[in-house]
PDB file of N, CA and C in Angstrom:
ATOM      1  N   MET A   1      30.656  41.125  95.764  1.00  0.00           N
ATOM      2  CA  MET A   1      30.592  39.925  96.172  1.00  0.00           C
ATOM      3  C   MET A   1      29.822  39.206  94.948  1.00  0.00           C
ATOM      4  N   LYS A   2      29.093  39.895  93.944  1.00  0.00           N
ATOM      5  CA  LYS A   2      28.624  39.292  92.888  1.00  0.00           C
ATOM      6  C   LYS A   2      29.437  38.811  92.005  1.00  0.00           C
ATOM      7  N   LEU A   3      30.739  39.660  91.908  1.00  0.00           N
ATOM      8  CA  LEU A   3      31.673  38.884  91.079  1.00  0.00           C
ATOM      9  C   LEU A   3      32.249  37.665  91.576  1.00  0.00           C
ATOM     10  N   GLN A   4      32.457  37.481  92.899  1.00  0.00           N
ATOM     11  CA  GLN A   4      33.117  36.229  93.606  1.00  0.00           C
ATOM     12  C   GLN A   4      31.955  34.965  93.212  1.00  0.00           C
ATOM     13  N   LYS A   5      30.684  35.178  93.293  1.00  0.00           N
ATOM     14  CA  LYS A   5      29.729  34.254  93.144  1.00  0.00           C
ATOM     15  C   LYS A   5      29.673  33.746  91.608  1.00  0.00           C
ATOM     16  N   ARG A   6      29.795  34.899  90.736  1.00  0.00           N
ATOM     17  CA  ARG A   6      29.922  34.604  89.513  1.00  0.00           C
ATOM     18  C   ARG A   6      30.991  33.696  88.995  1.00  0.00           C
ATOM     19  N   LEU A   7      32.190  34.013  89.508  1.00  0.00           N
ATOM     20  CA  LEU A   7      33.288  33.264  89.105  1.00  0.00           C
ATOM     21  C   LEU A   7      33.532  31.869  89.661  1.00  0.00           C
ATOM     22  N   ALA A   8      32.896  31.718  91.032  1.00  0.00           N
ATOM     23  CA  ALA A   8      32.767  30.436  91.556  1.00  0.00           C
ATOM     24  C   ALA A   8      31.761  29.469  90.816  1.00  0.00           C
ATOM     25  N   LYS A   9      30.706  30.121  90.146  1.00  0.00           N
ATOM     26  CA  LYS A   9      29.761  29.311  89.534  1.00  0.00           C
ATOM     27  C   LYS A   9      30.362  28.883  88.151  1.00  0.00           C
ATOM     28  N   ARG A  10      31.108  29.741  87.579  1.00  0.00           N
ATOM     29  CA  ARG A  10      31.738  29.491  86.310  1.00  0.00           C
ATOM     30  C   ARG A  10      32.663  28.357  86.577  1.00  0.00           C
ATOM     31  N   ARG A  11      33.524  28.301  87.681  1.00  0.00           N
ATOM     32  CA  ARG A  11      34.585  27.352  87.949  1.00  0.00           C
ATOM     33  C   ARG A  11      33.754  25.856  88.043  1.00  0.00           C
ATOM     34  N   GLN A  12      32.560  26.112  88.928  1.00  0.00           N
ATOM     35  CA  GLN A  12      32.042  24.671  89.226  1.00  0.00           C
ATOM     36  C   GLN A  12      31.429  24.120  87.909  1.00  0.00           C
ATOM     37  N   SER A  13      30.720  24.893  87.016  1.00  0.00           N
ATOM     38  CA  SER A  13      30.226  24.549  85.956  1.00  0.00           C
ATOM     39  C   SER A  13      31.145  23.848  85.013  1.00  0.00           C
ATOM     40  N   ARG A  14      32.506  24.495  84.932  1.00  0.00           N
ATOM     41  CA  ARG A  14      33.626  24.075  84.098  1.00  0.00           C
ATOM     42  C   ARG A  14      33.910  22.519  84.848  1.00  0.00           C
ATOM     43  N   ALA A  15      33.978  22.516  86.064  1.00  0.00           N
ATOM     44  CA  ALA A  15      34.143  21.148  86.566  1.00  0.00           C
ATOM     45  C   ALA A  15      33.291  20.124  86.496  1.00  0.00           C
ATOM     46  N   TYR A  16      31.782  20.322  86.454  1.00  0.00           N
ATOM     47  CA  TYR A  16      30.931  19.481  86.171  1.00  0.00           C
ATOM     48  C   TYR A  16      30.901  18.997  84.693  1.00  0.00           C
ATOM     49  N   ARG A  17      31.156  20.080  83.939  1.00  0.00           N
ATOM     50  CA  ARG A  17      31.357  19.603  82.208  1.00  0.00           C
ATOM     51  C   ARG A  17      32.411  18.579  82.073  1.00  0.00           C
ATOM     52  N   VAL A  18      33.483  18.815  82.662  1.00  0.00           N
ATOM     53  CA  VAL A  18      34.883  17.906  82.712  1.00  0.00           C
ATOM     54  C   VAL A  18      34.391  16.459  83.143  1.00  0.00           C
ATOM     55  N   ARG A  19      33.759  16.416  84.317  1.00  0.00           N
ATOM     56  CA  ARG A  19      33.564  15.477  85.080  1.00  0.00           C
ATOM     57  C   ARG A  19      32.543  14.493  84.558  1.00  0.00           C
ATOM     58  N   ALA A  20      31.750  14.990  83.654  1.00  0.00           N
ATOM     59  CA  ALA A  20      30.422  14.527  83.324  1.00  0.00           C
ATOM     60  C   ALA A  20      30.989  13.500  82.110  1.00  0.00           C
ATOM     61  N   LYS A  21      32.182  13.729  81.591  1.00  0.00           N
ATOM     62  CA  LYS A  21      32.761  13.149  80.444  1.00  0.00           C
ATOM     63  C   LYS A  21      33.862  12.082  80.603  1.00  0.00           C
ATOM     64  N   VAL A  22      34.454  12.439  81.949  1.00  0.00           N
ATOM     65  CA  VAL A  22      35.708  11.687  82.187  1.00  0.00           C
ATOM     66  C   VAL A  22      35.452  10.628  83.335  1.00  0.00           C
ATOM     67  N   ARG A  23      35.583   9.338  83.006  1.00  0.00           N
ATOM     68  CA  ARG A  23      35.427   8.238  84.165  1.00  0.00           C
ATOM     69  C   ARG A  23      36.718   7.537  84.144  1.00  0.00           C
ATOM     70  N   GLY A  24      37.214   6.995  85.194  1.00  0.00           N
ATOM     71  CA  GLY A  24      38.447   6.115  85.356  1.00  0.00           C
ATOM     72  C   GLY A  24      37.954   4.543  85.573  1.00  0.00           C
ATOM     73  N   THR A  25      38.546   3.961  84.826  1.00  0.00           N
ATOM     74  CA  THR A  25      38.389   2.256  85.163  1.00  0.00           C
ATOM     75  C   THR A  25      39.759   1.771  85.474  1.00  0.00           C
ATOM     76  N   ALA A  26      39.843   0.451  85.729  1.00  0.00           N
ATOM     77  CA  ALA A  26      41.074  -0.141  86.323  1.00  0.00           C
ATOM     78  C   ALA A  26      42.274  -0.124  85.061  1.00  0.00           C
ATOM     79  N   ASP A  27      41.667  -0.313  83.961  1.00  0.00           N
ATOM     80  CA  ASP A  27      42.615  -0.164  82.831  1.00  0.00           C
ATOM     81  C   ASP A  27      43.129   1.202  82.415  1.00  0.00           C
ATOM     82  N   ARG A  28      42.185   2.008  82.569  1.00  0.00           N
ATOM     83  CA  ARG A  28      42.508   3.537  82.206  1.00  0.00           C
ATOM     84  C   ARG A  28      42.125   4.490  83.385  1.00  0.00           C
ATOM     85  N   PRO A  29      42.680   4.675  84.491  1.00  0.00           N
ATOM     86  CA  PRO A  29      42.343   5.415  85.606  1.00  0.00           C
ATOM     87  C   PRO A  29      42.183   6.861  85.235  1.00  0.00           C
ATOM     88  N   ARG A  30      41.588   7.596  85.868  1.00  0.00           N
ATOM     89  CA  ARG A  30      41.343   9.140  85.733  1.00  0.00           C
ATOM     90  C   ARG A  30      42.344   9.718  86.577  1.00  0.00           C
ATOM     91  N   LEU A  31      43.261  10.641  85.980  1.00  0.00           N
ATOM     92  CA  LEU A  31      44.296  11.410  86.306  1.00  0.00           C
ATOM     93  C   LEU A  31      43.715  12.850  86.982  1.00  0.00           C
ATOM     94  N   SER A  32      43.415  12.961  88.084  1.00  0.00           N
ATOM     95  CA  SER A  32      42.927  14.229  88.722  1.00  0.00           C
ATOM     96  C   SER A  32      43.834  15.168  89.023  1.00  0.00           C
ATOM     97  N   VAL A  33      43.598  16.411  88.608  1.00  0.00           N
ATOM     98  CA  VAL A  33      44.726  17.479  88.974  1.00  0.00           C
ATOM     99  C   VAL A  33      44.020  18.593  89.840  1.00  0.00           C
ATOM    100  N   HIS A  34      44.525  18.764  90.948  1.00  0.00           N
ATOM    101  CA  HIS A  34      44.027  20.138  91.729  1.00  0.00           C
ATOM    102  C   HIS A  34      45.091  20.886  91.985  1.00  0.00           C
ATOM    103  N   ARG A  35      45.011  22.046  91.854  1.00  0.00           N
ATOM    104  CA  ARG A  35      46.173  23.114  92.164  1.00  0.00           C
ATOM    105  C   ARG A  35      45.789  24.201  92.956  1.00  0.00           C
ATOM    106  N   THR A  36      46.531  24.736  93.803  1.00  0.00           N
ATOM    107  CA  THR A  36      46.236  25.742  94.583  1.00  0.00           C
ATOM    108  C   THR A  36      47.319  26.780  94.235  1.00  0.00           C
ATOM    109  N   GLN A  37      47.335  28.130  94.952  1.00  0.00           N
ATOM    110  CA  GLN A  37      48.505  28.966  94.608  1.00  0.00           C
ATOM    111  C   GLN A  37      49.926  28.428  95.176  1.00  0.00           C
ATOM    112  N   LYS A  38      49.971  27.352  95.990  1.00  0.00           N
ATOM    113  CA  LYS A  38      51.242  26.988  96.364  1.00  0.00           C
ATOM    114  C   LYS A  38      51.699  25.452  95.989  1.00  0.00           C
ATOM    115  N   HIS A  39      50.664  24.702  95.578  1.00  0.00           N
ATOM    116  CA  HIS A  39      50.906  23.500  95.266  1.00  0.00           C
ATOM    117  C   HIS A  39      50.103  22.759  94.318  1.00  0.00           C
ATOM    118  N   VAL A  40      50.368  21.603  93.710  1.00  0.00           N
ATOM    119  CA  VAL A  40      49.560  20.832  92.760  1.00  0.00           C
ATOM    120  C   VAL A  40      49.647  19.433  93.348  1.00  0.00           C
ATOM    121  N   TRP A  41      48.399  19.002  93.464  1.00  0.00           N
ATOM    122  CA  TRP A  41      48.123  17.600  93.834  1.00  0.00           C
ATOM    123  C   TRP A  41      47.529  16.697  92.723  1.00  0.00           C
ATOM    124  N   LEU A  42      48.090  15.509  92.662  1.00  0.00           N
ATOM    125  CA  LEU A  42      47.689  14.614  91.563  1.00  0.00           C
ATOM    126  C   LEU A  42      47.273  13.267  91.949  1.00  0.00           C
ATOM    127  N   GLN A  43      46.203  12.699  91.461  1.00  0.00           N
ATOM    128  CA  GLN A  43      45.823  11.309  91.796  1.00  0.00           C
ATOM    129  C   GLN A  43      45.270  10.637  90.665  1.00  0.00           C
ATOM    130  N   LEU A  44      45.606   9.240  90.672  1.00  0.00           N
ATOM    131  CA  LEU A  44      45.155   8.286  89.865  1.00  0.00           C
ATOM    132  C   LEU A  44      43.781   7.596  90.393  1.00  0.00           C
ATOM    133  N   ILE A  45      42.812   7.645  89.904  1.00  0.00           N
ATOM    134  CA  ILE A  45      41.552   7.223  90.469  1.00  0.00           C
ATOM    135  C   ILE A  45      40.826   6.165  89.494  1.00  0.00           C
ATOM    136  N   ASP A  46      40.584   4.949  90.238  1.00  0.00           N
ATOM    137  CA  ASP A  46      39.621   3.979  89.647  1.00  0.00           C
ATOM    138  C   ASP A  46      38.210   4.266  90.044  1.00  0.00           C
ATOM    139  N   ASP A  47      37.318   5.169  89.180  1.00  0.00           N
ATOM    140  CA  ASP A  47      35.978   5.377  89.639  1.00  0.00           C
ATOM    141  C   ASP A  47      35.144   4.074  89.641  1.00  0.00           C
ATOM    142  N   ALA A  48      35.346   2.885  88.992  1.00  0.00           N
ATOM    143  CA  ALA A  48      34.532   1.797  89.079  1.00  0.00           C
ATOM    144  C   ALA A  48      34.694   1.163  90.411  1.00  0.00           C
ATOM    145  N   ALA A  49      35.964   1.215  90.907  1.00  0.00           N
ATOM    146  CA  ALA A  49      36.088   0.525  92.319  1.00  0.00           C
ATOM    147  C   ALA A  49      35.945   1.530  93.266  1.00  0.00           C
ATOM    148  N   GLY A  50      36.151   2.823  93.023  1.00  0.00           N
ATOM    149  CA  GLY A  50      36.105   3.900  93.906  1.00  0.00           C
ATOM    150  C   GLY A  50      37.381   4.044  94.742  1.00  0.00           C
ATOM    151  N   LYS A  51      38.449   3.978  94.225  1.00  0.00           N
ATOM    152  CA  LYS A  51      39.711   3.887  95.050  1.00  0.00           C
ATOM    153  C   LYS A  51      40.608   4.729  94.285  1.00  0.00           C
ATOM    154  N   THR A  52      41.602   5.314  95.048  1.00  0.00           N
ATOM    155  CA  THR A  52      42.935   5.811  94.558  1.00  0.00           C
ATOM    156  C   THR A  52      43.959   4.947  94.519  1.00  0.00           C
ATOM    157  N   LEU A  53      44.353   4.901  93.245  1.00  0.00           N
ATOM    158  CA  LEU A  53      45.549   3.979  92.921  1.00  0.00           C
ATOM    159  C   LEU A  53      46.869   4.730  93.345  1.00  0.00           C
ATOM    160  N   ALA A  54      47.230   5.805  92.983  1.00  0.00           N
ATOM    161  CA  ALA A  54      48.549   6.580  93.421  1.00  0.00           C
ATOM    162  C   ALA A  54      48.178   8.002  93.479  1.00  0.00           C
ATOM    163  N   SER A  55      49.107   8.643  94.138  1.00  0.00           N
ATOM    164  CA  SER A  55      48.935  10.027  94.289  1.00  0.00           C
ATOM    165  C   SER A  55      50.458  10.734  94.420  1.00  0.00           C
ATOM    166  N   ALA A  56      50.695  11.999  94.095  1.00  0.00           N
ATOM    167  CA  ALA A  56      51.912  12.605  94.094  1.00  0.00           C
ATOM    168  C   ALA A  56      51.358  14.013  94.311  1.00  0.00           C
ATOM    169  N   SER A  57      52.330  14.923  94.895  1.00  0.00           N
ATOM    170  CA  SER A  57      52.104  16.212  94.950  1.00  0.00           C
ATOM    171  C   SER A  57      53.421  17.051  95.067  1.00  0.00           C
ATOM    172  N   THR A  58      53.441  18.291  94.771  1.00  0.00           N
ATOM    173  CA  THR A  58      54.642  19.034  94.914  1.00  0.00           C
ATOM    174  C   THR A  58      55.095  19.238  96.500  1.00  0.00           C
ATOM    175  N   LYS A  59      53.949  19.097  97.280  1.00  0.00           N
ATOM    176  CA  LYS A  59      54.171  19.013  98.938  1.00  0.00           C
ATOM    177  C   LYS A  59      54.898  18.035  99.379  1.00  0.00           C
ATOM    178  N   ALA A  60      54.676  16.878  98.885  1.00  0.00           N
ATOM    179  CA  ALA A  60      55.392  15.608  99.247  1.00  0.00           C
ATOM    180  C   ALA A  60      56.882  15.483  98.642  1.00  0.00           C
ATOM    181  N   LEU A  61      57.002  16.272  97.451  1.00  0.00           N
ATOM    182  CA  LEU A  61      58.512  16.214  96.940  1.00  0.00           C
ATOM    183  C   LEU A  61      59.297  17.263  97.727  1.00  0.00           C
ATOM    184  N   ASP A  62      60.492  17.052  97.789  1.00  0.00           N
ATOM    185  CA  ASP A  62      61.385  18.120  98.372  1.00  0.00           C
ATOM    186  C   ASP A  62      61.936  19.017  97.252  1.00  0.00           C
ATOM    187  N   LEU A  63      61.304  19.976  97.248  1.00  0.00           N
ATOM    188  CA  LEU A  63      61.511  21.048  96.112  1.00  0.00           C
ATOM    189  C   LEU A  63      61.982  22.333  96.301  1.00  0.00           C
ATOM    190  N   GLY A  64      62.117  22.504  97.810  1.00  0.00           N
ATOM    191  CA  GLY A  64      62.345  23.568  98.467  1.00  0.00           C
ATOM    192  C   GLY A  64      61.350  24.724  98.401  1.00  0.00           C
ATOM    193  N   PRO A  65      61.701  26.051  98.414  1.00  0.00           N
ATOM    194  CA  PRO A  65      60.542  27.037  98.523  1.00  0.00           C
ATOM    195  C   PRO A  65      59.729  27.199  97.152  1.00  0.00           C
ATOM    196  N   LYS A  66      60.227  26.818  95.991  1.00  0.00           N
ATOM    197  CA  LYS A  66      59.520  27.062  94.700  1.00  0.00           C
ATOM    198  C   LYS A  66      58.802  25.901  94.567  1.00  0.00           C
ATOM    199  N   THR A  67      57.495  25.843  94.933  1.00  0.00           N
ATOM    200  CA  THR A  67      56.572  24.696  94.689  1.00  0.00           C
ATOM    201  C   THR A  67      55.491  25.103  93.808  1.00  0.00           C
ATOM    202  N   ALA A  68      55.242  26.581  93.541  1.00  0.00           N
ATOM    203  CA  ALA A  68      53.927  26.961  92.783  1.00  0.00           C
ATOM    204  C   ALA A  68      54.438  27.428  91.290  1.00  0.00           C
ATOM    205  N   ASN A  69      55.285  26.636  90.475  1.00  0.00           N
ATOM    206  CA  ASN A  69      55.758  27.136  89.350  1.00  0.00           C
ATOM    207  C   ASN A  69      55.577  25.933  88.491  1.00  0.00           C
ATOM    208  N   VAL A  70      55.790  26.049  87.233  1.00  0.00           N
ATOM    209  CA  VAL A  70      55.657  24.952  86.072  1.00  0.00           C
ATOM    210  C   VAL A  70      56.615  23.941  86.312  1.00  0.00           C
ATOM    211  N   ALA A  71      57.962  24.178  86.618  1.00  0.00           N
ATOM    212  CA  ALA A  71      58.897  23.170  86.895  1.00  0.00           C
ATOM    213  C   ALA A  71      58.508  22.150  87.962  1.00  0.00           C
ATOM    214  N   ALA A  72      57.868  22.693  89.183  1.00  0.00           N
ATOM    215  CA  ALA A  72      57.384  21.900  90.256  1.00  0.00           C
ATOM    216  C   ALA A  72      56.361  21.005  89.710  1.00  0.00           C
ATOM    217  N   ALA A  73      55.354  21.505  89.123  1.00  0.00           N
ATOM    218  CA  ALA A  73      54.532  20.676  88.433  1.00  0.00           C
ATOM    219  C   ALA A  73      54.859  19.740  87.657  1.00  0.00           C
ATOM    220  N   LYS A  74      55.898  19.931  86.832  1.00  0.00           N
ATOM    221  CA  LYS A  74      56.419  18.922  85.983  1.00  0.00           C
ATOM    222  C   LYS A  74      57.089  17.731  86.869  1.00  0.00           C
ATOM    223  N   ALA A  75      57.743  18.242  87.848  1.00  0.00           N
ATOM    224  CA  ALA A  75      58.536  17.305  88.691  1.00  0.00           C
ATOM    225  C   ALA A  75      57.270  16.322  89.264  1.00  0.00           C
ATOM    226  N   ALA A  76      56.108  16.898  89.816  1.00  0.00           N
ATOM    227  CA  ALA A  76      55.124  16.056  90.350  1.00  0.00           C
ATOM    228  C   ALA A  76      54.480  14.958  89.173  1.00  0.00           C
ATOM    229  N   GLY A  77      54.258  15.598  88.066  1.00  0.00           N
ATOM    230  CA  GLY A  77      53.823  14.632  86.846  1.00  0.00           C
ATOM    231  C   GLY A  77      54.703  13.441  86.593  1.00  0.00           C
ATOM    232  N   GLU A  78      56.182  13.767  86.659  1.00  0.00           N
ATOM    233  CA  GLU A  78      57.175  12.714  86.448  1.00  0.00           C
ATOM    234  C   GLU A  78      57.073  11.675  87.486  1.00  0.00           C
ATOM    235  N   ASP A  79      56.874  12.136  88.771  1.00  0.00           N
ATOM    236  CA  ASP A  79      56.802  11.431  90.066  1.00  0.00           C
ATOM    237  C   ASP A  79      55.629  10.530  89.848  1.00  0.00           C
ATOM    238  N   LEU A  80      54.402  11.109  89.528  1.00  0.00           N
ATOM    239  CA  LEU A  80      53.140  10.203  89.366  1.00  0.00           C
ATOM    240  C   LEU A  80      53.229   9.295  88.166  1.00  0.00           C
ATOM    241  N   ALA A  81      53.900   9.485  87.128  1.00  0.00           N
ATOM    242  CA  ALA A  81      54.202   8.633  86.022  1.00  0.00           C
ATOM    243  C   ALA A  81      55.022   7.539  86.586  1.00  0.00           C
ATOM    244  N   ARG A  82      56.060   7.691  87.193  1.00  0.00           N
ATOM    245  CA  ARG A  82      56.776   6.485  87.790  1.00  0.00           C
ATOM    246  C   ARG A  82      55.893   5.674  88.549  1.00  0.00           C
ATOM    247  N   ARG A  83      55.073   6.086  89.342  1.00  0.00           N
ATOM    248  CA  ARG A  83      54.240   5.306  90.095  1.00  0.00           C
ATOM    249  C   ARG A  83      53.237   4.629  89.339  1.00  0.00           C
ATOM    250  N   ALA A  84      52.598   5.316  88.422  1.00  0.00           N
ATOM    251  CA  ALA A  84      51.715   4.547  87.534  1.00  0.00           C
ATOM    252  C   ALA A  84      52.378   3.279  86.592  1.00  0.00           C
ATOM    253  N   ALA A  85      53.496   3.700  86.232  1.00  0.00           N
ATOM    254  CA  ALA A  85      54.416   2.592  85.537  1.00  0.00           C
ATOM    255  C   ALA A  85      54.583   1.435  86.460  1.00  0.00           C
ATOM    256  N   ALA A  86      54.763   1.648  87.661  1.00  0.00           N
ATOM    257  CA  ALA A  86      54.928   0.528  88.876  1.00  0.00           C
ATOM    258  C   ALA A  86      53.576  -0.267  88.807  1.00  0.00           C
ATOM    259  N   LEU A  87      52.746   0.397  88.673  1.00  0.00           N
ATOM    260  CA  LEU A  87      51.217  -0.357  88.881  1.00  0.00           C
ATOM    261  C   LEU A  87      50.764  -0.903  87.311  1.00  0.00           C
ATOM    262  N   GLY A  88      51.526  -0.527  86.429  1.00  0.00           N
ATOM    263  CA  GLY A  88      51.350  -1.124  85.055  1.00  0.00           C
ATOM    264  C   GLY A  88      50.328  -0.388  84.217  1.00  0.00           C
ATOM    265  N   VAL A  89      50.009   0.776  84.750  1.00  0.00           N
ATOM    266  CA  VAL A  89      49.178   1.733  84.033  1.00  0.00           C
ATOM    267  C   VAL A  89      49.975   2.147  82.745  1.00  0.00           C
ATOM    268  N   LYS A  90      49.387   2.023  81.565  1.00  0.00           N
ATOM    269  CA  LYS A  90      49.897   2.740  80.358  1.00  0.00           C
ATOM    270  C   LYS A  90      49.153   3.693  79.809  1.00  0.00           C
ATOM    271  N   ALA A  91      48.045   3.810  80.206  1.00  0.00           N
ATOM    272  CA  ALA A  91      46.887   5.100  79.614  1.00  0.00           C
ATOM    273  C   ALA A  91      46.189   5.599  80.755  1.00  0.00           C
ATOM    274  N   VAL A  92      46.001   6.869  80.793  1.00  0.00           N
ATOM    275  CA  VAL A  92      44.985   7.477  81.782  1.00  0.00           C
ATOM    276  C   VAL A  92      44.164   8.553  81.090  1.00  0.00           C
ATOM    277  N   ARG A  93      43.034   8.861  81.821  1.00  0.00           N
ATOM    278  CA  ARG A  93      42.036   9.769  81.352  1.00  0.00           C
ATOM    279  C   ARG A  93      42.294  11.136  82.084  1.00  0.00           C
ATOM    280  N   PHE A  94      42.559  12.185  81.503  1.00  0.00           N
ATOM    281  CA  PHE A  94      43.141  13.408  82.042  1.00  0.00           C
ATOM    282  C   PHE A  94      41.854  14.259  82.502  1.00  0.00           C
ATOM    283  N   ASP A  95      41.807  14.615  83.907  1.00  0.00           N
ATOM    284  CA  ASP A  95      40.712  15.347  84.448  1.00  0.00           C
ATOM    285  C   ASP A  95      41.211  16.632  85.053  1.00  0.00           C
ATOM    286  N   ARG A  96      41.140  17.528  84.362  1.00  0.00           N
ATOM    287  CA  ARG A  96      41.710  18.983  84.711  1.00  0.00           C
ATOM    288  C   ARG A  96      40.663  19.598  85.805  1.00  0.00           C
ATOM    289  N   GLY A  97      39.552  18.982  86.043  1.00  0.00           N
ATOM    290  CA  GLY A  97      38.618  19.730  87.039  1.00  0.00           C
ATOM    291  C   GLY A  97      38.269  21.051  86.433  1.00  0.00           C
ATOM    292  N   PRO A  98      38.065  22.038  87.401  1.00  0.00           N
ATOM    293  CA  PRO A  98      37.736  23.408  86.911  1.00  0.00           C
ATOM    294  C   PRO A  98      38.993  24.299  86.407  1.00  0.00           C
ATOM    295  N   PHE A  99      40.048  23.679  86.289  1.00  0.00           N
ATOM    296  CA  PHE A  99      41.289  24.503  86.001  1.00  0.00           C
ATOM    297  C   PHE A  99      41.449  24.410  84.511  1.00  0.00           C
ATOM    298  N   LYS A 100      41.608  25.549  83.874  1.00  0.00           N
ATOM    299  CA  LYS A 100      42.049  25.797  82.487  1.00  0.00           C
ATOM    300  C   LYS A 100      43.342  24.924  81.972  1.00  0.00           C
ATOM    301  N   TYR A 101      43.391  24.400  80.920  1.00  0.00           N
ATOM    302  CA  TYR A 101      44.559  23.631  80.404  1.00  0.00           C
ATOM    303  C   TYR A 101      45.600  24.520  79.873  1.00  0.00           C
ATOM    304  N   HIS A 102      46.253  25.043  80.853  1.00  0.00           N
ATOM    305  CA  HIS A 102      47.540  25.838  80.514  1.00  0.00           C
ATOM    306  C   HIS A 102      48.472  25.868  81.690  1.00  0.00           C
ATOM    307  N   GLY A 103      49.609  26.497  81.564  1.00  0.00           N
ATOM    308  CA  GLY A 103      50.270  26.681  82.692  1.00  0.00           C
ATOM    309  C   GLY A 103      50.811  25.207  83.387  1.00  0.00           C
ATOM    310  N   ARG A 104      50.712  25.228  84.850  1.00  0.00           N
ATOM    311  CA  ARG A 104      51.064  24.159  85.575  1.00  0.00           C
ATOM    312  C   ARG A 104      50.156  22.886  85.190  1.00  0.00           C
ATOM    313  N   VAL A 105      48.958  23.181  84.916  1.00  0.00           N
ATOM    314  CA  VAL A 105      47.936  21.823  84.397  1.00  0.00           C
ATOM    315  C   VAL A 105      48.700  21.174  83.192  1.00  0.00           C
ATOM    316  N   LYS A 106      48.907  22.020  82.249  1.00  0.00           N
ATOM    317  CA  LYS A 106      49.443  21.565  80.813  1.00  0.00           C
ATOM    318  C   LYS A 106      50.648  20.856  81.161  1.00  0.00           C
ATOM    319  N   ALA A 107      51.698  21.304  82.001  1.00  0.00           N
ATOM    320  CA  ALA A 107      52.970  20.948  82.418  1.00  0.00           C
ATOM    321  C   ALA A 107      52.845  19.492  83.174  1.00  0.00           C
ATOM    322  N   VAL A 108      51.852  19.305  83.705  1.00  0.00           N
ATOM    323  CA  VAL A 108      51.607  17.928  84.284  1.00  0.00           C
ATOM    324  C   VAL A 108      51.360  16.907  83.142  1.00  0.00           C
ATOM    325  N   ALA A 109      50.441  17.279  82.401  1.00  0.00           N
ATOM    326  CA  ALA A 109      49.988  16.403  81.219  1.00  0.00           C
ATOM    327  C   ALA A 109      51.185  16.154  80.562  1.00  0.00           C
ATOM    328  N   ASP A 110      51.924  17.124  80.059  1.00  0.00           N
ATOM    329  CA  ASP A 110      53.285  17.022  79.263  1.00  0.00           C
ATOM    330  C   ASP A 110      54.447  15.931  79.846  1.00  0.00           C
ATOM    331  N   ALA A 111      54.448  16.141  81.044  1.00  0.00           N
ATOM    332  CA  ALA A 111      55.391  15.330  81.842  1.00  0.00           C
ATOM    333  C   ALA A 111      54.816  13.772  82.060  1.00  0.00           C
ATOM    334  N   VAL A 112      53.641  13.862  81.925  1.00  0.00           N
ATOM    335  CA  VAL A 112      53.032  12.351  82.020  1.00  0.00           C
ATOM    336  C   VAL A 112      53.177  11.637  80.722  1.00  0.00           C
ATOM    337  N   ARG A 113      52.977  12.597  79.767  1.00  0.00           N
ATOM    338  CA  ARG A 113      53.088  12.025  78.404  1.00  0.00           C
ATOM    339  C   ARG A 113      54.632  11.737  78.104  1.00  0.00           C
ATOM    340  N   ALA A 114      55.572  12.448  78.332  1.00  0.00           N
ATOM    341  CA  ALA A 114      56.952  12.347  78.373  1.00  0.00           C
ATOM    342  C   ALA A 114      57.483  11.030  78.978  1.00  0.00           C
ATOM    343  N   ALA A 115      56.937  10.653  79.994  1.00  0.00           N
ATOM    344  CA  ALA A 115      57.262   9.501  80.725  1.00  0.00           C
ATOM    345  C   ALA A 115      56.581   8.234  80.070  1.00  0.00           C
ATOM    346  N   GLY A 116      55.767   8.203  78.843  1.00  0.00           N
ATOM    347  CA  GLY A 116      55.407   7.329  77.985  1.00  0.00           C
ATOM    348  C   GLY A 116      54.108   6.716  78.528  1.00  0.00           C
ATOM    349  N   ILE A 117      53.344   7.486  79.164  1.00  0.00           N
ATOM    350  CA  ILE A 117      51.906   7.247  79.374  1.00  0.00           C
ATOM    351  C   ILE A 117      50.908   7.943  78.671  1.00  0.00           C
ATOM    352  N   SER A 118      50.151   7.334  78.081  1.00  0.00           N
ATOM    353  CA  SER A 118      49.107   7.850  76.977  1.00  0.00           C
ATOM    354  C   SER A 118      47.917   8.683  77.845  1.00  0.00           C
ATOM    355  N   VAL A 119      47.981   9.977  77.460  1.00  0.00           N
ATOM    356  CA  VAL A 119      46.817  10.783  78.191  1.00  0.00           C
ATOM    357  C   VAL A 119      45.857  11.249  77.186  1.00  0.00           C
TER     358      VAL A 119
END
């Protein structure tokens, strides 16, 4: 159990460190990424107003049984980028939370950048 607590504490300190530096505004909302073993959830958040502007997830997309891979995360990132473009968002602040920047989290950021939104 000591290992579990140590890992949870390390994860929470990573999240605090990231969120202390990243705040979203109406001009440049925060792109929050949450991933589990099955899905990836994305949100555009205006912290000044306390509102979620848009969201996307691999669960909402019809991807079949493969929703926990890089291709699915890339598809969710492209979907969120389309929704952000419809709102007129040209730049976002990337909030990876407690998750390390590789794999599915990196795929989301790359997909949003490829769609023309500055991350």
